[in-house]
Amino acid sequence: MAYRAGGWPHRRALLAHRDGAALVTGTYPAEPRTLRFADRLVDAFLQAGADEKRAAWTAWTVTHFALGLTQEEQAAPAQGDERLAHAVAADTYPALQKTVAHLRQGSFEERFAFGLDVVLSRLPE
């Protein structure tokens, strides 16, 4: 199950540079290193038994999930910032109010692992 490594290398590369995710967002990805990474990721999903469409779309999803979550991490407010908790009023956002304590719970690494597992759970075993 080597494909389970999924987006971890991409995430590490983005985190290695200040604002790495923001720098990559919106750039045209047809560069040799990017294509090499994408080729390996798609190949891992094909080897795991995904058909061509699922392999391509899963690689796209993993790449953009890593990019988006890393961008959020690199722009996250300081520890103790309570703006979100104060903005989520029970009468206006009842579902969010019930879960707001969980939205900042855990590390970004834990959240990435959770999200990656959700996405990759759709691949054949």
N, C-alpha and C. Protein backbone atom coordinates (compact mmCIF):
# COMPACT_ATOMS: atom_id res chain seq x y z
N MET A 1 0.81 -1.18 0.00
CA MET A 1 0.00 0.00 0.00
C MET A 1 0.86 1.26 0.00
N ALA A 2 1.83 1.30 -0.89
CA ALA A 2 2.72 2.45 -0.98
C ALA A 2 1.97 3.72 -1.32
N TYR A 3 0.83 3.60 -2.01
CA TYR A 3 0.07 4.79 -2.37
C TYR A 3 -0.44 5.54 -1.15
N ARG A 4 -0.47 4.91 0.01
CA ARG A 4 -0.95 5.56 1.24
C ARG A 4 -0.05 6.73 1.62
N ALA A 5 1.18 6.76 1.11
CA ALA A 5 2.05 7.91 1.37
C ALA A 5 1.47 9.16 0.72
N GLY A 6 0.71 8.95 -0.37
CA GLY A 6 -0.06 9.99 -1.03
C GLY A 6 0.59 11.36 -1.07
N GLY A 7 -0.02 12.29 -0.41
CA GLY A 7 0.41 13.68 -0.48
C GLY A 7 1.44 14.12 0.53
N TRP A 8 1.96 13.20 1.34
CA TRP A 8 2.94 13.60 2.36
C TRP A 8 4.18 14.27 1.78
N PRO A 9 4.78 13.73 0.71
CA PRO A 9 5.95 14.42 0.15
C PRO A 9 5.61 15.83 -0.36
N HIS A 10 4.46 15.97 -0.96
CA HIS A 10 4.02 17.28 -1.45
C HIS A 10 3.86 18.25 -0.28
N ARG A 11 3.23 17.80 0.77
CA ARG A 11 3.03 18.63 1.96
C ARG A 11 4.37 19.06 2.55
N ARG A 12 5.30 18.11 2.68
CA ARG A 12 6.62 18.44 3.24
C ARG A 12 7.34 19.48 2.38
N ALA A 13 7.25 19.34 1.06
CA ALA A 13 7.91 20.29 0.16
C ALA A 13 7.30 21.68 0.31
N LEU A 14 5.99 21.76 0.43
CA LEU A 14 5.32 23.06 0.60
C LEU A 14 5.71 23.70 1.93
N LEU A 15 5.76 22.89 2.99
CA LEU A 15 6.09 23.42 4.32
C LEU A 15 7.55 23.82 4.45
N ALA A 16 8.39 23.32 3.56
CA ALA A 16 9.82 23.61 3.64
C ALA A 16 10.14 25.06 3.28
N HIS A 17 9.17 25.76 2.72
CA HIS A 17 9.39 27.15 2.29
C HIS A 17 8.34 28.05 2.91
N ARG A 18 8.79 29.19 3.38
CA ARG A 18 7.85 30.16 3.93
C ARG A 18 6.82 30.50 2.86
N ASP A 19 5.56 30.39 3.20
CA ASP A 19 4.46 30.65 2.27
C ASP A 19 4.54 29.77 1.03
N GLY A 20 5.10 28.57 1.18
CA GLY A 20 5.28 27.66 0.05
C GLY A 20 3.99 27.36 -0.68
N ALA A 21 2.91 27.12 0.07
CA ALA A 21 1.63 26.80 -0.58
C ALA A 21 1.09 28.01 -1.34
N ALA A 22 1.22 29.19 -0.78
CA ALA A 22 0.74 30.40 -1.46
C ALA A 22 1.54 30.66 -2.73
N LEU A 23 2.82 30.33 -2.71
CA LEU A 23 3.64 30.52 -3.91
C LEU A 23 3.25 29.58 -5.04
N VAL A 24 2.80 28.40 -4.68
CA VAL A 24 2.45 27.39 -5.69
C VAL A 24 1.03 27.61 -6.23
N THR A 25 0.14 28.12 -5.39
CA THR A 25 -1.26 28.31 -5.78
C THR A 25 -1.34 29.18 -7.03
N GLY A 26 -2.07 28.69 -8.00
CA GLY A 26 -2.30 29.46 -9.21
C GLY A 26 -1.19 29.41 -10.23
N THR A 27 -0.16 28.63 -9.99
CA THR A 27 0.91 28.52 -10.99
C THR A 27 0.57 27.40 -11.96
N TYR A 28 1.11 27.48 -13.15
CA TYR A 28 0.90 26.44 -14.15
C TYR A 28 1.80 25.26 -13.81
N PRO A 29 1.23 24.07 -13.61
CA PRO A 29 2.00 22.94 -13.08
C PRO A 29 2.80 22.10 -14.08
N ALA A 30 2.85 22.46 -15.33
CA ALA A 30 3.52 21.61 -16.32
C ALA A 30 5.03 21.86 -16.35
N GLU A 31 5.66 21.62 -15.22
CA GLU A 31 7.12 21.74 -15.09
C GLU A 31 7.66 20.34 -14.78
N PRO A 32 8.91 20.05 -15.15
CA PRO A 32 9.45 18.70 -14.98
C PRO A 32 9.30 18.11 -13.57
N ARG A 33 9.64 18.84 -12.53
CA ARG A 33 9.54 18.28 -11.17
C ARG A 33 8.10 18.00 -10.78
N THR A 34 7.22 18.93 -11.13
CA THR A 34 5.81 18.76 -10.81
C THR A 34 5.23 17.57 -11.58
N LEU A 35 5.58 17.46 -12.83
CA LEU A 35 5.09 16.35 -13.64
C LEU A 35 5.64 15.01 -13.15
N ARG A 36 6.90 15.00 -12.72
CA ARG A 36 7.51 13.77 -12.18
C ARG A 36 6.76 13.33 -10.92
N PHE A 37 6.48 14.29 -10.03
CA PHE A 37 5.73 13.98 -8.81
C PHE A 37 4.34 13.45 -9.16
N ALA A 38 3.65 14.15 -10.06
CA ALA A 38 2.30 13.74 -10.45
C ALA A 38 2.31 12.35 -11.10
N ASP A 39 3.32 12.08 -11.92
CA ASP A 39 3.42 10.78 -12.57
C ASP A 39 3.57 9.67 -11.54
N ARG A 40 4.40 9.90 -10.54
CA ARG A 40 4.60 8.88 -9.49
C ARG A 40 3.32 8.67 -8.68
N LEU A 41 2.63 9.77 -8.39
CA LEU A 41 1.40 9.67 -7.61
C LEU A 41 0.32 8.92 -8.40
N VAL A 42 0.13 9.27 -9.65
CA VAL A 42 -0.85 8.58 -10.49
C VAL A 42 -0.47 7.12 -10.64
N ASP A 43 0.81 6.83 -10.85
CA ASP A 43 1.25 5.45 -10.98
C ASP A 43 0.96 4.64 -9.71
N ALA A 44 1.18 5.24 -8.56
CA ALA A 44 0.89 4.54 -7.30
C ALA A 44 -0.58 4.18 -7.21
N PHE A 45 -1.45 5.09 -7.63
CA PHE A 45 -2.89 4.81 -7.59
C PHE A 45 -3.29 3.77 -8.63
N LEU A 46 -2.66 3.81 -9.81
CA LEU A 46 -2.91 2.78 -10.82
C LEU A 46 -2.46 1.42 -10.31
N GLN A 47 -1.27 1.37 -9.69
CA GLN A 47 -0.75 0.11 -9.14
C GLN A 47 -1.65 -0.42 -8.01
N ALA A 48 -2.34 0.49 -7.32
CA ALA A 48 -3.25 0.08 -6.25
C ALA A 48 -4.57 -0.47 -6.79
N GLY A 49 -4.74 -0.38 -8.12
CA GLY A 49 -5.94 -0.95 -8.72
C GLY A 49 -6.97 0.06 -9.18
N ALA A 50 -6.68 1.35 -9.05
CA ALA A 50 -7.61 2.36 -9.52
C ALA A 50 -7.62 2.38 -11.04
N ASP A 51 -8.80 2.66 -11.62
CA ASP A 51 -8.82 2.84 -13.07
C ASP A 51 -8.20 4.19 -13.39
N GLU A 52 -8.01 4.48 -14.67
CA GLU A 52 -7.27 5.69 -15.07
C GLU A 52 -7.95 6.97 -14.57
N LYS A 53 -9.26 7.05 -14.69
CA LYS A 53 -9.97 8.25 -14.23
C LYS A 53 -9.83 8.42 -12.73
N ARG A 54 -10.06 7.35 -11.98
CA ARG A 54 -9.96 7.44 -10.51
C ARG A 54 -8.54 7.78 -10.09
N ALA A 55 -7.54 7.21 -10.75
CA ALA A 55 -6.14 7.52 -10.42
C ALA A 55 -5.85 9.00 -10.66
N ALA A 56 -6.29 9.51 -11.81
CA ALA A 56 -6.05 10.92 -12.14
C ALA A 56 -6.78 11.84 -11.18
N TRP A 57 -8.05 11.57 -10.91
CA TRP A 57 -8.84 12.45 -10.06
C TRP A 57 -8.40 12.35 -8.60
N THR A 58 -7.96 11.17 -8.17
CA THR A 58 -7.47 11.04 -6.80
C THR A 58 -6.16 11.81 -6.64
N ALA A 59 -5.29 11.73 -7.64
CA ALA A 59 -4.04 12.51 -7.58
C ALA A 59 -4.35 13.99 -7.54
N TRP A 60 -5.29 14.44 -8.34
CA TRP A 60 -5.70 15.84 -8.34
C TRP A 60 -6.24 16.24 -6.98
N THR A 61 -7.10 15.40 -6.40
CA THR A 61 -7.71 15.70 -5.10
C THR A 61 -6.65 15.76 -4.00
N VAL A 62 -5.76 14.79 -3.97
CA VAL A 62 -4.70 14.75 -2.95
C VAL A 62 -3.79 15.97 -3.08
N THR A 63 -3.42 16.30 -4.30
CA THR A 63 -2.53 17.45 -4.53
C THR A 63 -3.17 18.74 -4.06
N HIS A 64 -4.42 18.95 -4.42
CA HIS A 64 -5.10 20.19 -4.05
C HIS A 64 -5.48 20.22 -2.57
N PHE A 65 -5.77 19.07 -1.99
CA PHE A 65 -6.02 19.02 -0.55
C PHE A 65 -4.75 19.40 0.20
N ALA A 66 -3.62 18.84 -0.21
CA ALA A 66 -2.35 19.18 0.43
C ALA A 66 -2.05 20.67 0.28
N LEU A 67 -2.26 21.19 -0.90
CA LEU A 67 -2.01 22.59 -1.16
C LEU A 67 -2.91 23.49 -0.31
N GLY A 68 -4.18 23.20 -0.28
CA GLY A 68 -5.13 24.02 0.47
C GLY A 68 -4.91 23.98 1.96
N LEU A 69 -4.75 22.78 2.51
CA LEU A 69 -4.56 22.68 3.96
C LEU A 69 -3.23 23.29 4.38
N THR A 70 -2.20 23.12 3.58
CA THR A 70 -0.90 23.71 3.90
C THR A 70 -0.98 25.23 3.84
N GLN A 71 -1.71 25.74 2.88
CA GLN A 71 -1.88 27.20 2.80
C GLN A 71 -2.60 27.71 4.04
N GLU A 72 -3.62 27.00 4.49
CA GLU A 72 -4.31 27.39 5.72
C GLU A 72 -3.37 27.32 6.92
N GLU A 73 -2.56 26.29 6.97
CA GLU A 73 -1.62 26.14 8.08
C GLU A 73 -0.62 27.29 8.11
N GLN A 74 -0.10 27.65 6.94
CA GLN A 74 0.91 28.69 6.88
C GLN A 74 0.32 30.08 7.16
N ALA A 75 -0.99 30.21 7.08
CA ALA A 75 -1.63 31.49 7.35
C ALA A 75 -2.46 31.47 8.64
N ALA A 76 -2.35 30.38 9.40
CA ALA A 76 -3.19 30.21 10.60
C ALA A 76 -2.94 31.31 11.63
N PRO A 77 -4.01 31.72 12.30
CA PRO A 77 -3.82 32.71 13.38
C PRO A 77 -3.04 32.10 14.53
N ALA A 78 -2.50 32.95 15.34
CA ALA A 78 -1.70 32.51 16.48
C ALA A 78 -2.55 31.70 17.45
N GLN A 79 -1.89 30.84 18.20
CA GLN A 79 -2.54 30.06 19.25
C GLN A 79 -3.28 31.00 20.18
N GLY A 80 -4.49 30.67 20.54
CA GLY A 80 -5.26 31.51 21.45
C GLY A 80 -6.16 32.52 20.74
N ASP A 81 -6.07 32.63 19.43
CA ASP A 81 -6.93 33.54 18.68
C ASP A 81 -8.36 32.97 18.74
N GLU A 82 -9.26 33.73 19.27
CA GLU A 82 -10.63 33.24 19.49
C GLU A 82 -11.65 33.88 18.54
N ARG A 83 -11.20 34.51 17.47
CA ARG A 83 -12.14 35.18 16.55
C ARG A 83 -13.19 34.22 16.00
N LEU A 84 -12.78 33.01 15.62
CA LEU A 84 -13.74 32.06 15.07
C LEU A 84 -14.78 31.68 16.11
N ALA A 85 -14.35 31.35 17.31
CA ALA A 85 -15.28 30.97 18.37
C ALA A 85 -16.28 32.08 18.65
N HIS A 86 -15.83 33.32 18.64
CA HIS A 86 -16.72 34.45 18.90
C HIS A 86 -17.66 34.71 17.72
N ALA A 87 -17.24 34.42 16.52
CA ALA A 87 -18.05 34.69 15.33
C ALA A 87 -19.16 33.66 15.13
N VAL A 88 -19.00 32.48 15.70
CA VAL A 88 -19.95 31.39 15.48
C VAL A 88 -21.02 31.42 16.58
N ALA A 89 -22.06 32.19 16.33
CA ALA A 89 -23.16 32.31 17.29
C ALA A 89 -24.15 31.16 17.09
N ALA A 90 -24.68 30.64 18.18
CA ALA A 90 -25.59 29.50 18.12
C ALA A 90 -26.86 29.80 17.34
N ASP A 91 -27.36 31.01 17.41
CA ASP A 91 -28.60 31.33 16.71
C ASP A 91 -28.40 31.52 15.20
N THR A 92 -27.17 31.83 14.77
CA THR A 92 -26.89 32.06 13.36
C THR A 92 -26.27 30.83 12.68
N TYR A 93 -25.37 30.16 13.39
CA TYR A 93 -24.65 29.01 12.84
C TYR A 93 -24.76 27.83 13.81
N PRO A 94 -25.95 27.24 13.95
CA PRO A 94 -26.14 26.21 14.99
C PRO A 94 -25.26 24.97 14.83
N ALA A 95 -25.08 24.49 13.61
CA ALA A 95 -24.26 23.29 13.42
C ALA A 95 -22.79 23.60 13.71
N LEU A 96 -22.31 24.73 13.20
CA LEU A 96 -20.92 25.11 13.49
C LEU A 96 -20.70 25.33 14.97
N GLN A 97 -21.69 25.92 15.63
CA GLN A 97 -21.55 26.20 17.06
C GLN A 97 -21.34 24.90 17.83
N LYS A 98 -22.02 23.82 17.40
CA LYS A 98 -21.88 22.52 18.07
C LYS A 98 -20.49 21.94 17.88
N THR A 99 -19.82 22.30 16.79
CA THR A 99 -18.55 21.65 16.46
C THR A 99 -17.34 22.58 16.52
N VAL A 100 -17.55 23.84 16.84
CA VAL A 100 -16.46 24.83 16.77
C VAL A 100 -15.23 24.41 17.60
N ALA A 101 -15.45 23.74 18.70
CA ALA A 101 -14.31 23.31 19.53
C ALA A 101 -13.41 22.33 18.77
N HIS A 102 -13.97 21.60 17.82
CA HIS A 102 -13.20 20.62 17.08
C HIS A 102 -12.49 21.21 15.86
N LEU A 103 -12.89 22.40 15.45
CA LEU A 103 -12.32 22.99 14.23
C LEU A 103 -10.87 23.41 14.39
N ARG A 104 -10.43 23.67 15.60
CA ARG A 104 -9.03 24.04 15.83
C ARG A 104 -8.31 22.98 16.67
N GLN A 105 -9.01 21.89 16.92
CA GLN A 105 -8.45 20.81 17.73
C GLN A 105 -7.47 19.98 16.90
N GLY A 106 -6.42 19.52 17.52
CA GLY A 106 -5.45 18.69 16.82
C GLY A 106 -4.52 19.53 15.95
N SER A 107 -3.45 18.90 15.55
CA SER A 107 -2.46 19.59 14.73
C SER A 107 -2.87 19.53 13.26
N PHE A 108 -2.25 20.38 12.46
CA PHE A 108 -2.50 20.32 11.02
C PHE A 108 -2.05 18.98 10.47
N GLU A 109 -1.00 18.43 11.03
CA GLU A 109 -0.54 17.12 10.57
C GLU A 109 -1.61 16.05 10.82
N GLU A 110 -2.26 16.11 11.99
CA GLU A 110 -3.34 15.16 12.28
C GLU A 110 -4.52 15.37 11.33
N ARG A 111 -4.84 16.61 11.05
CA ARG A 111 -5.95 16.90 10.14
C ARG A 111 -5.61 16.44 8.72
N PHE A 112 -4.36 16.62 8.32
CA PHE A 112 -3.94 16.17 7.00
C PHE A 112 -4.05 14.65 6.92
N ALA A 113 -3.57 13.95 7.94
CA ALA A 113 -3.65 12.49 7.96
C ALA A 113 -5.10 12.02 7.87
N PHE A 114 -5.98 12.68 8.60
CA PHE A 114 -7.40 12.33 8.56
C PHE A 114 -7.97 12.53 7.16
N GLY A 115 -7.75 13.70 6.58
CA GLY A 115 -8.29 14.00 5.25
C GLY A 115 -7.73 13.08 4.18
N LEU A 116 -6.43 12.83 4.25
CA LEU A 116 -5.80 11.95 3.28
C LEU A 116 -6.38 10.54 3.38
N ASP A 117 -6.60 10.08 4.61
CA ASP A 117 -7.18 8.77 4.80
C ASP A 117 -8.60 8.70 4.23
N VAL A 118 -9.38 9.77 4.40
CA VAL A 118 -10.73 9.81 3.84
C VAL A 118 -10.68 9.70 2.32
N VAL A 119 -9.80 10.48 1.69
CA VAL A 119 -9.70 10.46 0.23
C VAL A 119 -9.21 9.09 -0.25
N LEU A 120 -8.16 8.57 0.36
CA LEU A 120 -7.56 7.32 -0.11
C LEU A 120 -8.41 6.10 0.22
N SER A 121 -9.34 6.24 1.14
CA SER A 121 -10.20 5.09 1.48
C SER A 121 -11.12 4.73 0.32
N ARG A 122 -11.22 5.60 -0.68
CA ARG A 122 -12.05 5.33 -1.85
C ARG A 122 -11.31 4.50 -2.90
N LEU A 123 -10.03 4.25 -2.68
CA LEU A 123 -9.26 3.42 -3.62
C LEU A 123 -9.43 1.94 -3.27
N PRO A 124 -9.25 1.08 -4.24
CA PRO A 124 -9.32 -0.37 -3.94
C PRO A 124 -8.23 -0.75 -2.93
N GLU A 125 -8.51 -1.74 -2.13
CA GLU A 125 -7.53 -2.21 -1.15
C GLU A 125 -6.55 -3.15 -1.77
